[in-house]
Amino acid sequence: MVACATLGYLLSLSHLTPIKPLKSKRQLWKICLLASIFCVTIVLGNLSLKYIPVSFNQAIGATTPFFTAIFAVLMQGAPAASSDASTATDQPYANGHMLPVY
């Protein structure tokens, strides 16, 4: 996380990526909450390795996309809509994360 923050700061100094100012205290609150939840998740995940094998931990982690899709449908009431213009051939970089699966 420190490396990511340092790289982001250096990129902002080089004016390749501008720094976006916070719009409100509510936005700051949401960012802090998200960062805190992320840190707690990492700590609890590491602590869980005392009680379960690494292979089981990875198997549970592999189900994350499935449950994310299920919860998205439950919360939004419908599956994510796909656009006619955005297909796998139109967005090669967006689908590049699937290369290791093939």
Protein backbone atom coordinates (compact mmCIF):
# COMPACT_ATOMS: atom_id res chain seq x y z
CA MET A 1 0.00 0.00 0.00
CA VAL A 2 2.88 2.34 0.74
CA ALA A 3 4.41 1.60 -2.67
CA CYS A 4 1.08 2.30 -4.38
CA ALA A 5 0.64 5.58 -2.50
CA THR A 6 4.21 6.62 -3.29
CA LEU A 7 3.82 5.80 -6.98
CA GLY A 8 0.52 7.67 -7.12
CA TYR A 9 2.08 10.71 -5.47
CA LEU A 10 5.05 10.66 -7.85
CA LEU A 11 2.72 10.39 -10.84
CA SER A 12 0.71 13.34 -9.58
CA LEU A 13 3.91 15.39 -9.22
CA SER A 14 4.80 14.58 -12.83
CA HIS A 15 1.33 15.84 -13.89
CA LEU A 16 0.62 12.56 -15.70
CA THR A 17 -2.35 12.02 -13.41
CA PRO A 18 -3.99 14.98 -11.69
CA ILE A 19 -4.94 14.92 -8.02
CA LYS A 20 -8.69 15.08 -7.63
CA PRO A 21 -9.74 17.11 -4.62
CA LEU A 22 -12.29 15.71 -2.21
CA LYS A 23 -15.75 17.10 -2.77
CA SER A 24 -17.07 16.77 0.77
CA LYS A 25 -16.45 15.36 4.21
CA ARG A 26 -18.88 12.59 3.33
CA GLN A 27 -16.61 11.50 0.48
CA LEU A 28 -13.62 11.51 2.85
CA TRP A 29 -15.65 9.43 5.32
CA LYS A 30 -16.48 6.88 2.61
CA ILE A 31 -12.84 6.62 1.53
CA CYS A 32 -11.66 6.13 5.12
CA LEU A 33 -14.35 3.54 5.75
CA LEU A 34 -13.41 1.61 2.62
CA ALA A 35 -9.71 1.71 3.51
CA SER A 36 -10.44 0.55 7.06
CA ILE A 37 -12.59 -2.34 5.89
CA PHE A 38 -9.88 -3.36 3.43
CA CYS A 39 -7.23 -3.36 6.17
CA VAL A 40 -9.44 -5.34 8.56
CA THR A 41 -10.15 -7.87 5.80
CA ILE A 42 -6.43 -8.38 5.17
CA VAL A 43 -5.69 -8.79 8.90
CA LEU A 44 -8.55 -11.24 9.43
CA GLY A 45 -7.55 -13.20 6.33
CA ASN A 46 -4.01 -13.54 7.65
CA LEU A 47 -5.26 -14.52 11.10
CA SER A 48 -7.51 -17.17 9.60
CA LEU A 49 -4.44 -18.97 8.27
CA LYS A 50 -3.73 -20.08 11.85
CA TYR A 51 -6.90 -22.18 11.80
CA ILE A 52 -7.43 -23.32 8.19
CA PRO A 53 -5.09 -24.62 5.48
CA VAL A 54 -3.90 -22.22 2.80
CA SER A 55 -5.50 -24.34 0.07
CA PHE A 56 -8.91 -24.02 1.73
CA ASN A 57 -8.42 -20.28 2.11
CA GLN A 58 -7.63 -20.01 -1.61
CA ALA A 59 -10.64 -22.15 -2.52
CA ILE A 60 -12.91 -19.85 -0.52
CA GLY A 61 -11.26 -16.81 -2.13
CA ALA A 62 -11.91 -18.28 -5.58
CA THR A 63 -15.65 -18.15 -4.92
CA THR A 64 -15.57 -14.35 -4.48
CA PRO A 65 -16.61 -13.51 -8.09
CA PHE A 66 -19.56 -15.89 -7.85
CA PHE A 67 -20.88 -14.39 -4.63
CA THR A 68 -20.19 -10.86 -5.90
CA ALA A 69 -22.40 -11.56 -8.92
CA ILE A 70 -25.12 -13.09 -6.74
CA PHE A 71 -25.14 -10.13 -4.35
CA ALA A 72 -25.11 -7.67 -7.27
CA VAL A 73 -28.25 -9.31 -8.69
CA LEU A 74 -29.90 -9.34 -5.26
CA MET A 75 -29.08 -5.70 -4.56
CA GLN A 76 -29.81 -4.32 -8.04
CA GLY A 77 -32.76 -6.54 -8.84
CA ALA A 78 -31.37 -7.54 -12.24
CA PRO A 79 -28.12 -8.87 -13.68
CA ALA A 80 -25.64 -6.41 -15.13
CA ALA A 81 -26.75 -5.33 -18.59
CA SER A 82 -24.35 -5.90 -21.44
CA SER A 83 -24.10 -3.30 -24.15
CA ASP A 84 -24.31 -4.28 -27.83
CA ALA A 85 -21.24 -2.18 -28.56
CA SER A 86 -19.03 -3.74 -25.91
CA THR A 87 -18.04 -7.26 -26.82
CA ALA A 88 -14.94 -9.25 -26.05
CA THR A 89 -13.40 -8.28 -29.40
CA ASP A 90 -14.08 -4.56 -28.85
CA GLN A 91 -12.32 -4.48 -25.48
CA PRO A 92 -9.20 -6.66 -25.58
CA TYR A 93 -7.59 -4.96 -22.56
CA ALA A 94 -10.72 -5.18 -20.44
CA ASN A 95 -10.77 -8.94 -20.94
CA GLY A 96 -7.02 -9.43 -20.58
CA HIS A 97 -7.44 -10.58 -17.00
CA MET A 98 -8.92 -13.82 -18.35
CA LEU A 99 -5.74 -14.82 -20.22
CA PRO A 100 -4.34 -17.02 -17.42
CA VAL A 101 -7.58 -19.04 -17.46
CA TYR A 102 -7.11 -20.11 -21.07
